């Protein structure tokens, strides 16, 4: 990382690619029908992605 910073480059952020291609679930089926906060949305979204095996390591 020190070499990349010295050359002006940055280490890429993240390492997952997520494809929702072919997913037919509604937002209500993923998040529920009651209002939730952003942190809870993120948790539920990752549960959905892992359950459906939509993520892949780059």
PDB file of N, CA and C in Angstrom:
ATOM      1  N   UNK A   1       0.834  -1.188   0.000  1.00  0.00           N
ATOM      2  CA  UNK A   1       0.000   0.000   0.000  1.00  0.00           C
ATOM      3  C   UNK A   1       0.874   1.246   0.000  1.00  0.00           C
ATOM      4  N   UNK A   2       1.998   1.208   0.671  1.00  0.00           N
ATOM      5  CA  UNK A   2       2.879   2.362   0.724  1.00  0.00           C
ATOM      6  C   UNK A   2       3.407   2.707  -0.656  1.00  0.00           C
ATOM      7  N   UNK A   3       3.705   1.701  -1.468  1.00  0.00           N
ATOM      8  CA  UNK A   3       4.190   1.946  -2.818  1.00  0.00           C
ATOM      9  C   UNK A   3       3.107   2.564  -3.690  1.00  0.00           C
ATOM     10  N   UNK A   4       1.870   2.083  -3.553  1.00  0.00           N
ATOM     11  CA  UNK A   4       0.770   2.636  -4.336  1.00  0.00           C
ATOM     12  C   UNK A   4       0.510   4.088  -3.963  1.00  0.00           C
ATOM     13  N   UNK A   5       0.597   4.410  -2.674  1.00  0.00           N
ATOM     14  CA  UNK A   5       0.394   5.780  -2.222  1.00  0.00           C
ATOM     15  C   UNK A   5       1.525   6.681  -2.703  1.00  0.00           C
ATOM     16  N   UNK A   6       2.735   6.154  -2.754  1.00  0.00           N
ATOM     17  CA  UNK A   6       3.877   6.945  -3.191  1.00  0.00           C
ATOM     18  C   UNK A   6       3.767   7.298  -4.678  1.00  0.00           C
ATOM     19  N   UNK A   7       3.183   6.429  -5.473  1.00  0.00           N
ATOM     20  CA  UNK A   7       3.031   6.669  -6.906  1.00  0.00           C
ATOM     21  C   UNK A   7       1.787   7.490  -7.229  1.00  0.00           C
ATOM     22  N   UNK A   8       0.989   7.828  -6.222  1.00  0.00           N
ATOM     23  CA  UNK A   8      -0.205   8.620  -6.456  1.00  0.00           C
ATOM     24  C   UNK A   8      -1.440   7.769  -6.685  1.00  0.00           C
ATOM     25  N   UNK A   9      -1.288   6.449  -6.723  1.00  0.00           N
ATOM     26  CA  UNK A   9      -2.436   5.568  -6.922  1.00  0.00           C
ATOM     27  C   UNK A   9      -3.051   5.203  -5.584  1.00  0.00           C
ATOM     28  N   UNK A  10      -4.237   4.687  -5.638  1.00  0.00           N
ATOM     29  CA  UNK A  10      -4.927   4.252  -4.427  1.00  0.00           C
ATOM     30  C   UNK A  10      -5.276   2.788  -4.541  1.00  0.00           C
ATOM     31  N   UNK A  11      -5.361   2.151  -3.397  1.00  0.00           N
ATOM     32  CA  UNK A  11      -5.817   0.780  -3.359  1.00  0.00           C
ATOM     33  C   UNK A  11      -7.326   0.776  -3.621  1.00  0.00           C
ATOM     34  N   UNK A  12      -7.812  -0.105  -4.492  1.00  0.00           N
ATOM     35  CA  UNK A  12      -9.246  -0.127  -4.787  1.00  0.00           C
ATOM     36  C   UNK A  12     -10.070  -0.400  -3.539  1.00  0.00           C
ATOM     37  N   UNK A  13     -11.212   0.254  -3.454  1.00  0.00           N
ATOM     38  CA  UNK A  13     -12.115   0.085  -2.322  1.00  0.00           C
ATOM     39  C   UNK A  13     -13.084  -1.048  -2.623  1.00  0.00           C
ATOM     40  N   UNK A  14     -13.327  -1.876  -1.637  1.00  0.00           N
ATOM     41  CA  UNK A  14     -14.296  -2.957  -1.797  1.00  0.00           C
ATOM     42  C   UNK A  14     -13.692  -4.148  -2.490  1.00  0.00           C
ATOM     43  N   UNK A  15     -14.480  -5.137  -2.693  1.00  0.00           N
ATOM     44  CA  UNK A  15     -13.980  -6.318  -3.360  1.00  0.00           C
ATOM     45  C   UNK A  15     -15.105  -7.234  -3.787  1.00  0.00           C
ATOM     46  N   UNK A  16     -16.332  -6.752  -3.779  1.00  0.00           N
ATOM     47  CA  UNK A  16     -17.468  -7.566  -4.166  1.00  0.00           C
ATOM     48  C   UNK A  16     -18.191  -6.915  -5.329  1.00  0.00           C
ATOM     49  N   UNK A  17     -18.666  -7.751  -6.219  1.00  0.00           N
ATOM     50  CA  UNK A  17     -19.556  -7.265  -7.260  1.00  0.00           C
ATOM     51  C   UNK A  17     -20.908  -7.932  -7.030  1.00  0.00           C
ATOM     52  N   UNK A  18     -21.961  -7.164  -7.112  1.00  0.00           N
ATOM     53  CA  UNK A  18     -23.311  -7.669  -6.866  1.00  0.00           C
ATOM     54  C   UNK A  18     -24.126  -7.458  -8.127  1.00  0.00           C
ATOM     55  N   UNK A  19     -24.765  -8.517  -8.589  1.00  0.00           N
ATOM     56  CA  UNK A  19     -25.612  -8.431  -9.767  1.00  0.00           C
ATOM     57  C   UNK A  19     -27.034  -8.810  -9.387  1.00  0.00           C
ATOM     58  N   UNK A  20     -27.959  -7.886  -9.589  1.00  0.00           N
ATOM     59  CA  UNK A  20     -29.367  -8.143  -9.307  1.00  0.00           C
ATOM     60  C   UNK A  20     -30.103  -8.591 -10.566  1.00  0.00           C
ATOM     61  N   UNK A  21     -29.368  -8.929 -11.611  1.00  0.00           N
ATOM     62  CA  UNK A  21     -29.969  -9.358 -12.867  1.00  0.00           C
ATOM     63  C   UNK A  21     -30.798 -10.623 -12.634  1.00  0.00           C
ATOM     64  N   UNK A  22     -32.027 -10.580 -13.034  1.00  0.00           N
ATOM     65  CA  UNK A  22     -32.912 -11.724 -12.891  1.00  0.00           C
ATOM     66  C   UNK A  22     -33.643 -11.795 -11.561  1.00  0.00           C
ATOM     67  N   UNK A  23     -33.323 -10.912 -10.626  1.00  0.00           N
ATOM     68  CA  UNK A  23     -34.012 -10.892  -9.336  1.00  0.00           C
ATOM     69  C   UNK A  23     -35.395 -10.273  -9.534  1.00  0.00           C
ATOM     70  N   UNK A  24     -36.432 -10.962  -9.060  1.00  0.00           N
ATOM     71  CA  UNK A  24     -37.795 -10.491  -9.279  1.00  0.00           C
ATOM     72  C   UNK A  24     -38.509 -10.130  -7.984  1.00  0.00           C
ATOM     73  N   UNK A  25     -37.802 -10.161  -6.870  1.00  0.00           N
ATOM     74  CA  UNK A  25     -38.416  -9.844  -5.582  1.00  0.00           C
ATOM     75  C   UNK A  25     -38.714  -8.355  -5.479  1.00  0.00           C
ATOM     76  N   UNK A  26     -39.804  -8.031  -4.792  1.00  0.00           N
ATOM     77  CA  UNK A  26     -40.161  -6.634  -4.580  1.00  0.00           C
ATOM     78  C   UNK A  26     -39.377  -6.090  -3.385  1.00  0.00           C
ATOM     79  N   UNK A  27     -39.319  -4.775  -3.284  1.00  0.00           N
ATOM     80  CA  UNK A  27     -38.643  -4.157  -2.138  1.00  0.00           C
ATOM     81  C   UNK A  27     -39.343  -4.507  -0.841  1.00  0.00           C
ATOM     82  N   UNK A  28     -40.646  -4.617  -0.883  1.00  0.00           N
ATOM     83  CA  UNK A  28     -41.397  -4.966   0.324  1.00  0.00           C
ATOM     84  C   UNK A  28     -41.070  -6.382   0.801  1.00  0.00           C
ATOM     85  N   UNK A  29     -40.806  -7.288  -0.127  1.00  0.00           N
ATOM     86  CA  UNK A  29     -40.446  -8.642   0.287  1.00  0.00           C
ATOM     87  C   UNK A  29     -39.037  -8.695   0.874  1.00  0.00           C
ATOM     88  N   UNK A  30     -38.185  -7.766   0.475  1.00  0.00           N
ATOM     89  CA  UNK A  30     -36.813  -7.726   0.996  1.00  0.00           C
ATOM     90  C   UNK A  30     -36.760  -6.970   2.324  1.00  0.00           C
ATOM     91  N   UNK A  31     -37.384  -5.790   2.386  1.00  0.00           N
ATOM     92  CA  UNK A  31     -37.275  -4.926   3.557  1.00  0.00           C
ATOM     93  C   UNK A  31     -38.442  -5.028   4.529  1.00  0.00           C
ATOM     94  N   UNK A  32     -39.572  -5.555   4.110  1.00  0.00           N
ATOM     95  CA  UNK A  32     -40.754  -5.595   4.965  1.00  0.00           C
ATOM     96  C   UNK A  32     -41.641  -4.391   4.704  1.00  0.00           C
ATOM     97  N   UNK A  33     -42.777  -4.365   5.357  1.00  0.00           N
ATOM     98  CA  UNK A  33     -43.741  -3.297   5.081  1.00  0.00           C
ATOM     99  C   UNK A  33     -43.692  -2.154   6.096  1.00  0.00           C
ATOM    100  N   UNK A  34     -42.933  -2.315   7.170  1.00  0.00           N
ATOM    101  CA  UNK A  34     -42.833  -1.241   8.162  1.00  0.00           C
ATOM    102  C   UNK A  34     -41.597  -0.385   7.888  1.00  0.00           C
ATOM    103  N   UNK A  35     -41.641   0.899   8.223  1.00  0.00           N
ATOM    104  CA  UNK A  35     -40.477   1.768   8.013  1.00  0.00           C
ATOM    105  C   UNK A  35     -39.275   1.320   8.859  1.00  0.00           C
ATOM    106  N   UNK A  36     -38.093   1.339   8.245  1.00  0.00           N
ATOM    107  CA  UNK A  36     -36.862   0.989   8.953  1.00  0.00           C
ATOM    108  C   UNK A  36     -35.784   2.011   8.609  1.00  0.00           C
ATOM    109  N   UNK A  37     -34.753   2.064   9.413  1.00  0.00           N
ATOM    110  CA  UNK A  37     -33.656   2.993   9.199  1.00  0.00           C
ATOM    111  C   UNK A  37     -32.641   2.469   8.200  1.00  0.00           C
ATOM    112  N   UNK A  38     -31.734   3.343   7.777  1.00  0.00           N
ATOM    113  CA  UNK A  38     -30.730   2.958   6.789  1.00  0.00           C
ATOM    114  C   UNK A  38     -29.838   1.790   7.233  1.00  0.00           C
ATOM    115  N   UNK A  39     -29.464   1.740   8.495  1.00  0.00           N
ATOM    116  CA  UNK A  39     -28.603   0.656   8.967  1.00  0.00           C
ATOM    117  C   UNK A  39     -29.320  -0.685   8.864  1.00  0.00           C
ATOM    118  N   UNK A  40     -30.588  -0.702   9.220  1.00  0.00           N
ATOM    119  CA  UNK A  40     -31.362  -1.946   9.132  1.00  0.00           C
ATOM    120  C   UNK A  40     -31.581  -2.343   7.669  1.00  0.00           C
ATOM    121  N   UNK A  41     -31.741  -1.351   6.779  1.00  0.00           N
ATOM    122  CA  UNK A  41     -31.874  -1.643   5.351  1.00  0.00           C
ATOM    123  C   UNK A  41     -30.626  -2.331   4.824  1.00  0.00           C
ATOM    124  N   UNK A  42     -29.470  -1.814   5.217  1.00  0.00           N
ATOM    125  CA  UNK A  42     -28.207  -2.393   4.773  1.00  0.00           C
ATOM    126  C   UNK A  42     -28.078  -3.834   5.243  1.00  0.00           C
ATOM    127  N   UNK A  43     -28.418  -4.100   6.491  1.00  0.00           N
ATOM    128  CA  UNK A  43     -28.346  -5.460   7.026  1.00  0.00           C
ATOM    129  C   UNK A  43     -29.262  -6.393   6.252  1.00  0.00           C
ATOM    130  N   UNK A  44     -30.501  -5.961   6.015  1.00  0.00           N
ATOM    131  CA  UNK A  44     -31.454  -6.809   5.306  1.00  0.00           C
ATOM    132  C   UNK A  44     -31.045  -7.018   3.854  1.00  0.00           C
ATOM    133  N   UNK A  45     -30.461  -5.999   3.239  1.00  0.00           N
ATOM    134  CA  UNK A  45     -30.011  -6.131   1.861  1.00  0.00           C
ATOM    135  C   UNK A  45     -28.895  -7.167   1.751  1.00  0.00           C
ATOM    136  N   UNK A  46     -27.940  -7.145   2.676  1.00  0.00           N
ATOM    137  CA  UNK A  46     -26.856  -8.127   2.653  1.00  0.00           C
ATOM    138  C   UNK A  46     -27.358  -9.530   2.955  1.00  0.00           C
ATOM    139  N   UNK A  47     -28.350  -9.668   3.821  1.00  0.00           N
ATOM    140  CA  UNK A  47     -28.947 -10.989   4.072  1.00  0.00           C
ATOM    141  C   UNK A  47     -29.551 -11.512   2.772  1.00  0.00           C
ATOM    142  N   UNK A  48     -30.260 -10.652   2.049  1.00  0.00           N
ATOM    143  CA  UNK A  48     -30.880 -11.031   0.786  1.00  0.00           C
ATOM    144  C   UNK A  48     -29.821 -11.432  -0.246  1.00  0.00           C
ATOM    145  N   UNK A  49     -28.777 -10.621  -0.386  1.00  0.00           N
ATOM    146  CA  UNK A  49     -27.716 -10.886  -1.360  1.00  0.00           C
ATOM    147  C   UNK A  49     -27.036 -12.225  -1.062  1.00  0.00           C
ATOM    148  N   UNK A  50     -26.758 -12.485   0.205  1.00  0.00           N
ATOM    149  CA  UNK A  50     -26.102 -13.746   0.572  1.00  0.00           C
ATOM    150  C   UNK A  50     -27.030 -14.934   0.377  1.00  0.00           C
ATOM    151  N   UNK A  51     -28.314 -14.779   0.729  1.00  0.00           N
ATOM    152  CA  UNK A  51     -29.276 -15.868   0.592  1.00  0.00           C
ATOM    153  C   UNK A  51     -29.463 -16.257  -0.882  1.00  0.00           C
ATOM    154  N   UNK A  52     -29.507 -15.266  -1.764  1.00  0.00           N
ATOM    155  CA  UNK A  52     -29.712 -15.511  -3.196  1.00  0.00           C
ATOM    156  C   UNK A  52     -28.400 -15.744  -3.953  1.00  0.00           C
ATOM    157  N   UNK A  53     -27.263 -15.628  -3.243  1.00  0.00           N
ATOM    158  CA  UNK A  53     -25.923 -15.819  -3.834  1.00  0.00           C
ATOM    159  C   UNK A  53     -25.707 -14.886  -5.020  1.00  0.00           C
ATOM    160  N   UNK A  54     -25.954 -13.596  -4.790  1.00  0.00           N
ATOM    161  CA  UNK A  54     -25.830 -12.595  -5.849  1.00  0.00           C
ATOM    162  C   UNK A  54     -24.460 -11.925  -5.870  1.00  0.00           C
ATOM    163  N   UNK A  55     -23.654 -12.123  -4.845  1.00  0.00           N
ATOM    164  CA  UNK A  55     -22.370 -11.438  -4.801  1.00  0.00           C
ATOM    165  C   UNK A  55     -21.263 -12.361  -5.263  1.00  0.00           C
ATOM    166  N   UNK A  56     -20.216 -11.733  -5.739  1.00  0.00           N
ATOM    167  CA  UNK A  56     -19.035 -12.478  -6.175  1.00  0.00           C
ATOM    168  C   UNK A  56     -17.796 -11.677  -5.865  1.00  0.00           C
ATOM    169  N   UNK A  57     -16.755 -12.339  -5.500  1.00  0.00           N
ATOM    170  CA  UNK A  57     -15.484 -11.672  -5.214  1.00  0.00           C
ATOM    171  C   UNK A  57     -14.868 -11.246  -6.532  1.00  0.00           C
ATOM    172  N   UNK A  58     -14.375 -10.005  -6.603  1.00  0.00           N
ATOM    173  CA  UNK A  58     -13.745  -9.521  -7.832  1.00  0.00           C
ATOM    174  C   UNK A  58     -12.403 -10.128  -8.019  1.00  0.00           C
TER     175      UNK A  58
END
